[in-house]
Amino acid sequence: GAVLNARIRITADNCRVIGRGAVVDPFGDIYRYDKKELGDVSGMLYIRNASNVKIDGVHMLDSRGFNIFVQGIWGRTYAKENQVTNTKLLSSQMTSDGLSFNYYNRNTLAEHCFVYCGDNALVYEDEVHYKDILVGTTCNALYPQTDVRNSSLENIYVFRADEHIINCEMNGSNNQTLIDNSTITNLYALDVTYTNSFLTIENITNPAVPANGGFTIKNVYLPDIDGI
């Protein structure tokens, strides 16, 4: 496949990024580019206020910012029905979050993907669905943040998560964090050799408030991990 040395920004509905080639971050070389001069580094593939976008089969390499970042416009419009499938992300720098679906998403799906990054791997809020994802990171593998409603993770395979396997960021609105019908089913971490914890909760001044089952984790497979 082709190699594209560029960042991609999508702001229109019904776009497609499909292929078996690679997208390489042109700013990935820290010896050639100063991060302060890069301007907007929201994502190497940034879907902004767009719906029905499909990403399939692409390799994302050496991201200096978020790898794939999907968001709507806060308080105004949602990014809806976006999909990332059969995609591989490989990066090592901090701030290189893997799949970030947050800030006004609706019914976003990632399936059959590989994620290795130097920051939070799977970031999500409302109506996000991850299925069959292989994850490695020097940070947190799963990162639900702010209010989380109607989201699901199924068949997640973690082989590295140096900070935590699950890190819940409790920074919802109105001094609370709503956890509404959020599930994790079949979480495998048998190849993790070290992590600080299986589950940690940050910013507990905005405590979690459950609704419709709250936050449910089913079928977890862990070895005797150092740090837990």
C-alpha atoms as a PDB file:
ATOM      1  CA  GLY A   1       0.000   0.000   0.000  1.00  0.00           C
ATOM      2  CA  ALA A   2       0.860   3.668  -0.250  1.00  0.00           C
ATOM      3  CA  VAL A   3       2.601   5.679   2.472  1.00  0.00           C
ATOM      4  CA  LEU A   4       1.131   9.090   3.262  1.00  0.00           C
ATOM      5  CA  ASN A   5       3.378  11.492   5.182  1.00  0.00           C
ATOM      6  CA  ALA A   6       0.640  13.816   6.358  1.00  0.00           C
ATOM      7  CA  ARG A   7      -2.008  14.455   8.941  1.00  0.00           C
ATOM      8  CA  ILE A   8      -5.654  14.028   8.013  1.00  0.00           C
ATOM      9  CA  ARG A   9      -8.470  16.294   9.166  1.00  0.00           C
ATOM     10  CA  ILE A  10     -12.052  15.347   8.294  1.00  0.00           C
ATOM     11  CA  THR A  11     -14.837  17.894   8.732  1.00  0.00           C
ATOM     12  CA  ALA A  12     -17.430  16.547   6.258  1.00  0.00           C
ATOM     13  CA  ASP A  13     -19.921  13.701   6.550  1.00  0.00           C
ATOM     14  CA  ASN A  14     -19.665  10.370   4.689  1.00  0.00           C
ATOM     15  CA  CYS A  15     -15.888  10.393   4.167  1.00  0.00           C
ATOM     16  CA  ARG A  16     -13.786   7.237   3.787  1.00  0.00           C
ATOM     17  CA  VAL A  17     -10.140   6.477   4.612  1.00  0.00           C
ATOM     18  CA  ILE A  18      -9.643   2.937   3.328  1.00  0.00           C
ATOM     19  CA  GLY A  19      -6.546   1.003   2.316  1.00  0.00           C
ATOM     20  CA  ARG A  20      -3.698  -1.238   3.351  1.00  0.00           C
ATOM     21  CA  GLY A  21      -1.007   1.416   3.434  1.00  0.00           C
ATOM     22  CA  ALA A  22       0.311   3.664   6.196  1.00  0.00           C
ATOM     23  CA  VAL A  23      -0.162   7.196   7.447  1.00  0.00           C
ATOM     24  CA  VAL A  24       3.062   8.505   9.004  1.00  0.00           C
ATOM     25  CA  ASP A  25       3.064  11.620  11.164  1.00  0.00           C
ATOM     26  CA  PRO A  26       5.307  14.146   9.375  1.00  0.00           C
ATOM     27  CA  PHE A  27       5.999  15.801  12.747  1.00  0.00           C
ATOM     28  CA  GLY A  28       6.954  12.578  14.510  1.00  0.00           C
ATOM     29  CA  ASP A  29      10.692  13.320  14.516  1.00  0.00           C
ATOM     30  CA  ILE A  30      11.341  15.185  17.776  1.00  0.00           C
ATOM     31  CA  TYR A  31      14.813  16.205  16.549  1.00  0.00           C
ATOM     32  CA  ARG A  32      13.411  18.105  13.552  1.00  0.00           C
ATOM     33  CA  TYR A  33      10.213  19.657  14.885  1.00  0.00           C
ATOM     34  CA  ASP A  34       9.482  21.647  18.014  1.00  0.00           C
ATOM     35  CA  LYS A  35       6.077  20.776  19.438  1.00  0.00           C
ATOM     36  CA  LYS A  36       5.444  24.454  20.228  1.00  0.00           C
ATOM     37  CA  GLU A  37       5.562  25.233  16.520  1.00  0.00           C
ATOM     38  CA  LEU A  38       3.080  22.575  15.447  1.00  0.00           C
ATOM     39  CA  GLY A  39      -0.076  24.480  16.307  1.00  0.00           C
ATOM     40  CA  ASP A  40      -3.135  22.239  16.492  1.00  0.00           C
ATOM     41  CA  VAL A  41      -1.952  18.728  17.379  1.00  0.00           C
ATOM     42  CA  SER A  42      -5.393  17.362  18.214  1.00  0.00           C
ATOM     43  CA  GLY A  43      -4.885  14.227  16.202  1.00  0.00           C
ATOM     44  CA  MET A  44      -3.003  12.644  13.349  1.00  0.00           C
ATOM     45  CA  LEU A  45      -6.377  11.572  11.989  1.00  0.00           C
ATOM     46  CA  TYR A  46      -8.866  14.085  13.359  1.00  0.00           C
ATOM     47  CA  ILE A  47     -12.605  13.716  12.720  1.00  0.00           C
ATOM     48  CA  ARG A  48     -14.232  16.963  13.782  1.00  0.00           C
ATOM     49  CA  ASN A  49     -18.004  17.497  13.762  1.00  0.00           C
ATOM     50  CA  ALA A  50     -18.503  14.872  11.027  1.00  0.00           C
ATOM     51  CA  SER A  51     -20.750  11.807  10.848  1.00  0.00           C
ATOM     52  CA  ASN A  52     -20.794   8.453   9.044  1.00  0.00           C
ATOM     53  CA  VAL A  53     -17.021   8.474   8.520  1.00  0.00           C
ATOM     54  CA  LYS A  54     -15.355   5.087   7.998  1.00  0.00           C
ATOM     55  CA  ILE A  55     -11.684   4.257   8.615  1.00  0.00           C
ATOM     56  CA  ASP A  56     -10.645   0.747   7.555  1.00  0.00           C
ATOM     57  CA  GLY A  57      -7.389  -1.154   7.196  1.00  0.00           C
ATOM     58  CA  VAL A  58      -4.986   1.753   7.688  1.00  0.00           C
ATOM     59  CA  HIS A  59      -1.687   1.708   9.627  1.00  0.00           C
ATOM     60  CA  MET A  60      -1.042   4.862  11.711  1.00  0.00           C
ATOM     61  CA  LEU A  61       2.632   5.330  12.612  1.00  0.00           C
ATOM     62  CA  ASP A  62       4.722   7.585  14.872  1.00  0.00           C
ATOM     63  CA  SER A  63       1.970   9.963  15.959  1.00  0.00           C
ATOM     64  CA  ARG A  64       3.145  12.941  17.987  1.00  0.00           C
ATOM     65  CA  GLY A  65      -0.404  13.795  19.039  1.00  0.00           C
ATOM     66  CA  PHE A  66      -3.529  11.706  19.412  1.00  0.00           C
ATOM     67  CA  ASN A  67      -3.638   8.930  16.820  1.00  0.00           C
ATOM     68  CA  ILE A  68      -7.346   8.943  15.932  1.00  0.00           C
ATOM     69  CA  PHE A  69      -9.483  11.602  17.584  1.00  0.00           C
ATOM     70  CA  VAL A  70     -13.240  11.876  17.006  1.00  0.00           C
ATOM     71  CA  GLN A  71     -15.332  14.662  18.497  1.00  0.00           C
ATOM     72  CA  GLY A  72     -18.316  16.889  17.859  1.00  0.00           C
ATOM     73  CA  ILE A  73     -18.614  20.517  18.894  1.00  0.00           C
ATOM     74  CA  TRP A  74     -19.161  20.884  22.608  1.00  0.00           C
ATOM     75  CA  GLY A  75     -22.657  22.074  23.442  1.00  0.00           C
ATOM     76  CA  ARG A  76     -23.734  22.269  19.807  1.00  0.00           C
ATOM     77  CA  THR A  77     -23.521  19.237  17.496  1.00  0.00           C
ATOM     78  CA  TYR A  78     -22.630  15.552  17.743  1.00  0.00           C
ATOM     79  CA  ALA A  79     -20.301  13.423  15.651  1.00  0.00           C
ATOM     80  CA  LYS A  80     -22.459  10.377  14.857  1.00  0.00           C
ATOM     81  CA  GLU A  81     -22.158   6.854  13.434  1.00  0.00           C
ATOM     82  CA  ASN A  82     -18.379   6.934  12.870  1.00  0.00           C
ATOM     83  CA  GLN A  83     -16.456   3.653  12.518  1.00  0.00           C
ATOM     84  CA  VAL A  84     -12.817   2.550  12.781  1.00  0.00           C
ATOM     85  CA  THR A  85     -12.172  -1.067  11.733  1.00  0.00           C
ATOM     86  CA  ASN A  86      -9.157  -3.291  10.998  1.00  0.00           C
ATOM     87  CA  THR A  87      -6.796  -0.426  11.813  1.00  0.00           C
ATOM     88  CA  LYS A  88      -3.372  -0.556  13.500  1.00  0.00           C
ATOM     89  CA  LEU A  89      -1.853   2.268  15.561  1.00  0.00           C
ATOM     90  CA  LEU A  90       1.810   2.261  16.561  1.00  0.00           C
ATOM     91  CA  SER A  91       3.397   5.165  18.468  1.00  0.00           C
ATOM     92  CA  SER A  92       5.463   5.670  21.593  1.00  0.00           C
ATOM     93  CA  GLN A  93       5.517   9.359  22.556  1.00  0.00           C
ATOM     94  CA  MET A  94       3.475  10.843  25.377  1.00  0.00           C
ATOM     95  CA  THR A  95       0.222  12.488  24.239  1.00  0.00           C
ATOM     96  CA  SER A  96      -0.089   9.824  21.536  1.00  0.00           C
ATOM     97  CA  ASP A  97      -3.489   8.630  22.778  1.00  0.00           C
ATOM     98  CA  GLY A  98      -4.735   5.695  20.735  1.00  0.00           C
ATOM     99  CA  LEU A  99      -8.462   5.803  19.951  1.00  0.00           C
ATOM    100  CA  SER A 100     -10.080   8.875  21.509  1.00  0.00           C
ATOM    101  CA  PHE A 101     -13.842   9.096  21.121  1.00  0.00           C
ATOM    102  CA  ASN A 102     -14.985  11.892  23.375  1.00  0.00           C
ATOM    103  CA  TYR A 103     -16.700  15.283  23.512  1.00  0.00           C
ATOM    104  CA  TYR A 104     -20.088  14.909  21.827  1.00  0.00           C
ATOM    105  CA  ASN A 105     -19.920  11.503  20.138  1.00  0.00           C
ATOM    106  CA  ARG A 106     -22.910   9.337  19.369  1.00  0.00           C
ATOM    107  CA  ASN A 107     -22.797   5.637  18.411  1.00  0.00           C
ATOM    108  CA  THR A 108     -19.084   5.440  17.594  1.00  0.00           C
ATOM    109  CA  LEU A 109     -17.571   2.005  16.885  1.00  0.00           C
ATOM    110  CA  ALA A 110     -14.014   0.621  16.797  1.00  0.00           C
ATOM    111  CA  GLU A 111     -13.627  -3.053  15.931  1.00  0.00           C
ATOM    112  CA  HIS A 112     -10.800  -5.490  15.076  1.00  0.00           C
ATOM    113  CA  CYS A 113      -8.000  -2.987  15.825  1.00  0.00           C
ATOM    114  CA  PHE A 114      -4.464  -3.014  17.254  1.00  0.00           C
ATOM    115  CA  VAL A 115      -3.382  -0.104  19.465  1.00  0.00           C
ATOM    116  CA  TYR A 116       0.104   0.504  20.880  1.00  0.00           C
ATOM    117  CA  CYS A 117       0.764   4.018  22.139  1.00  0.00           C
ATOM    118  CA  GLY A 118       2.511   6.144  24.753  1.00  0.00           C
ATOM    119  CA  ASP A 119      -0.621   7.507  26.412  1.00  0.00           C
ATOM    120  CA  ASN A 120      -4.186   6.423  27.162  1.00  0.00           C
ATOM    121  CA  ALA A 121      -5.146   3.734  24.658  1.00  0.00           C
ATOM    122  CA  LEU A 122      -8.963   3.576  24.575  1.00  0.00           C
ATOM    123  CA  VAL A 123     -10.576   6.862  25.613  1.00  0.00           C
ATOM    124  CA  TYR A 124     -14.344   7.161  25.654  1.00  0.00           C
ATOM    125  CA  GLU A 125     -17.485   8.838  26.943  1.00  0.00           C
ATOM    126  CA  ASP A 126     -21.067   8.483  25.644  1.00  0.00           C
ATOM    127  CA  GLU A 127     -22.278   5.847  23.166  1.00  0.00           C
ATOM    128  CA  VAL A 128     -18.853   4.446  22.293  1.00  0.00           C
ATOM    129  CA  HIS A 129     -18.385   0.771  21.450  1.00  0.00           C
ATOM    130  CA  TYR A 130     -15.047  -1.069  21.310  1.00  0.00           C
ATOM    131  CA  LYS A 131     -14.968  -4.683  20.090  1.00  0.00           C
ATOM    132  CA  ASP A 132     -12.040  -7.051  19.610  1.00  0.00           C
ATOM    133  CA  ILE A 133      -9.182  -4.620  20.316  1.00  0.00           C
ATOM    134  CA  LEU A 134      -5.581  -5.601  21.154  1.00  0.00           C
ATOM    135  CA  VAL A 135      -4.025  -2.967  23.419  1.00  0.00           C
ATOM    136  CA  GLY A 136      -0.565  -2.074  24.708  1.00  0.00           C
ATOM    137  CA  THR A 137       0.449   1.203  26.336  1.00  0.00           C
ATOM    138  CA  THR A 138       2.916   2.761  28.745  1.00  0.00           C
ATOM    139  CA  CYS A 139      -0.069   4.547  30.311  1.00  0.00           C
ATOM    140  CA  ASN A 140      -3.707   3.447  30.838  1.00  0.00           C
ATOM    141  CA  ALA A 141      -5.362   0.795  28.685  1.00  0.00           C
ATOM    142  CA  LEU A 142      -8.996   1.848  29.245  1.00  0.00           C
ATOM    143  CA  TYR A 143      -9.795   5.460  30.045  1.00  0.00           C
ATOM    144  CA  PRO A 144     -13.479   6.327  30.579  1.00  0.00           C
ATOM    145  CA  GLN A 145     -13.657  10.040  31.293  1.00  0.00           C
ATOM    146  CA  THR A 146     -16.358  12.515  32.313  1.00  0.00           C
ATOM    147  CA  ASP A 147     -19.966  11.279  32.149  1.00  0.00           C
ATOM    148  CA  VAL A 148     -20.233   7.895  30.403  1.00  0.00           C
ATOM    149  CA  ARG A 149     -23.597   6.765  29.023  1.00  0.00           C
ATOM    150  CA  ASN A 150     -24.546   3.686  27.005  1.00  0.00           C
ATOM    151  CA  SER A 151     -20.983   2.624  26.165  1.00  0.00           C
ATOM    152  CA  SER A 152     -19.622  -0.903  25.833  1.00  0.00           C
ATOM    153  CA  LEU A 153     -16.288  -2.695  25.514  1.00  0.00           C
ATOM    154  CA  GLU A 154     -16.214  -6.344  24.481  1.00  0.00           C
ATOM    155  CA  ASN A 155     -13.327  -8.753  23.934  1.00  0.00           C
ATOM    156  CA  ILE A 156     -10.495  -6.395  24.875  1.00  0.00           C
ATOM    157  CA  TYR A 157      -7.009  -7.942  24.991  1.00  0.00           C
ATOM    158  CA  VAL A 158      -4.403  -5.976  26.981  1.00  0.00           C
ATOM    159  CA  PHE A 159      -0.748  -7.031  26.776  1.00  0.00           C
ATOM    160  CA  ARG A 160       0.752  -3.914  28.384  1.00  0.00           C
ATOM    161  CA  ALA A 161      -0.637  -1.206  30.683  1.00  0.00           C
ATOM    162  CA  ASP A 162       2.161   0.269  32.776  1.00  0.00           C
ATOM    163  CA  GLU A 163       0.022   2.794  34.674  1.00  0.00           C
ATOM    164  CA  HIS A 164      -3.400   1.158  35.122  1.00  0.00           C
ATOM    165  CA  ILE A 165      -5.574  -1.260  33.205  1.00  0.00           C
ATOM    166  CA  ILE A 166      -8.681   0.879  33.848  1.00  0.00           C
ATOM    167  CA  ASN A 167      -8.427   4.510  34.930  1.00  0.00           C
ATOM    168  CA  CYS A 168     -11.759   6.262  35.476  1.00  0.00           C
ATOM    169  CA  GLU A 169     -11.506  10.044  35.298  1.00  0.00           C
ATOM    170  CA  MET A 170     -14.305  11.368  37.520  1.00  0.00           C
ATOM    171  CA  ASN A 171     -14.716  14.868  36.078  1.00  0.00           C
ATOM    172  CA  GLY A 172     -18.370  14.996  35.053  1.00  0.00           C
ATOM    173  CA  SER A 173     -20.657  17.999  35.215  1.00  0.00           C
ATOM    174  CA  ASN A 174     -22.465  19.471  38.235  1.00  0.00           C
ATOM    175  CA  ASN A 175     -19.913  18.087  40.714  1.00  0.00           C
ATOM    176  CA  GLN A 176     -20.748  14.488  39.864  1.00  0.00           C
ATOM    177  CA  THR A 177     -19.919  11.893  37.224  1.00  0.00           C
ATOM    178  CA  LEU A 178     -22.813   9.982  35.713  1.00  0.00           C
ATOM    179  CA  ILE A 179     -22.118   6.323  34.877  1.00  0.00           C
ATOM    180  CA  ASP A 180     -25.155   5.146  32.929  1.00  0.00           C
ATOM    181  CA  ASN A 181     -25.406   1.665  31.384  1.00  0.00           C
ATOM    182  CA  SER A 182     -21.679   1.232  30.722  1.00  0.00           C
ATOM    183  CA  THR A 183     -20.259  -2.290  30.379  1.00  0.00           C
ATOM    184  CA  ILE A 184     -16.954  -4.103  29.910  1.00  0.00           C
ATOM    185  CA  THR A 185     -17.319  -7.763  28.905  1.00  0.00           C
ATOM    186  CA  ASN A 186     -14.429 -10.197  28.411  1.00  0.00           C
ATOM    187  CA  LEU A 187     -11.312  -8.271  29.407  1.00  0.00           C
ATOM    188  CA  TYR A 188      -8.129 -10.304  28.961  1.00  0.00           C
ATOM    189  CA  ALA A 189      -4.866  -9.106  30.535  1.00  0.00           C
ATOM    190  CA  LEU A 190      -3.000 -12.394  30.806  1.00  0.00           C
ATOM    191  CA  ASP A 191       0.149 -11.054  29.127  1.00  0.00           C
ATOM    192  CA  VAL A 192       0.527  -7.974  31.351  1.00  0.00           C
ATOM    193  CA  THR A 193       3.634  -8.352  33.524  1.00  0.00           C
ATOM    194  CA  TYR A 194       3.342  -5.122  35.541  1.00  0.00           C
ATOM    195  CA  THR A 195       0.717  -2.489  36.252  1.00  0.00           C
ATOM    196  CA  ASN A 196      -0.049  -0.190  39.172  1.00  0.00           C
ATOM    197  CA  SER A 197      -3.648  -1.344  39.474  1.00  0.00           C
ATOM    198  CA  PHE A 198      -6.505  -3.056  37.721  1.00  0.00           C
ATOM    199  CA  LEU A 199      -8.900  -0.172  38.462  1.00  0.00           C
ATOM    200  CA  THR A 200      -8.200   3.308  39.754  1.00  0.00           C
ATOM    201  CA  ILE A 201     -10.430   6.360  40.081  1.00  0.00           C
ATOM    202  CA  GLU A 202      -9.169   9.924  39.706  1.00  0.00           C
ATOM    203  CA  ASN A 203     -10.709  13.199  40.808  1.00  0.00           C
ATOM    204  CA  ILE A 204     -13.106  11.621  43.276  1.00  0.00           C
ATOM    205  CA  THR A 205     -14.375  15.078  44.285  1.00  0.00           C
ATOM    206  CA  ASN A 206     -16.882  14.537  41.444  1.00  0.00           C
ATOM    207  CA  PRO A 207     -18.164  11.144  42.636  1.00  0.00           C
ATOM    208  CA  ALA A 208     -19.729   8.579  40.334  1.00  0.00           C
ATOM    209  CA  VAL A 209     -23.519   8.420  40.272  1.00  0.00           C
ATOM    210  CA  PRO A 210     -24.838   5.175  38.728  1.00  0.00           C
ATOM    211  CA  ALA A 211     -27.952   4.812  36.591  1.00  0.00           C
ATOM    212  CA  ASN A 212     -29.428   1.887  34.632  1.00  0.00           C
ATOM    213  CA  GLY A 213     -26.923  -0.591  35.982  1.00  0.00           C
ATOM    214  CA  GLY A 214     -24.077   1.877  36.337  1.00  0.00           C
ATOM    215  CA  PHE A 215     -20.656   0.455  35.434  1.00  0.00           C
ATOM    216  CA  THR A 216     -20.559  -3.334  35.005  1.00  0.00           C
ATOM    217  CA  ILE A 217     -17.399  -5.402  34.408  1.00  0.00           C
ATOM    218  CA  LYS A 218     -17.853  -9.089  33.511  1.00  0.00           C
ATOM    219  CA  ASN A 219     -15.380 -11.882  32.784  1.00  0.00           C
ATOM    220  CA  VAL A 220     -11.926 -10.536  33.633  1.00  0.00           C
ATOM    221  CA  TYR A 221      -8.832 -12.680  33.118  1.00  0.00           C
ATOM    222  CA  LEU A 222      -5.716 -11.630  35.050  1.00  0.00           C
ATOM    223  CA  PRO A 223      -2.432 -13.342  35.910  1.00  0.00           C
ATOM    224  CA  ASP A 224      -0.544 -12.807  39.164  1.00  0.00           C
ATOM    225  CA  ILE A 225       0.550  -9.284  38.181  1.00  0.00           C
ATOM    226  CA  ASP A 226       3.249  -7.297  39.982  1.00  0.00           C
ATOM    227  CA  GLY A 227       1.838  -4.046  41.301  1.00  0.00           C
ATOM    228  CA  ILE A 228      -1.695  -5.258  42.047  1.00  0.00           C
END
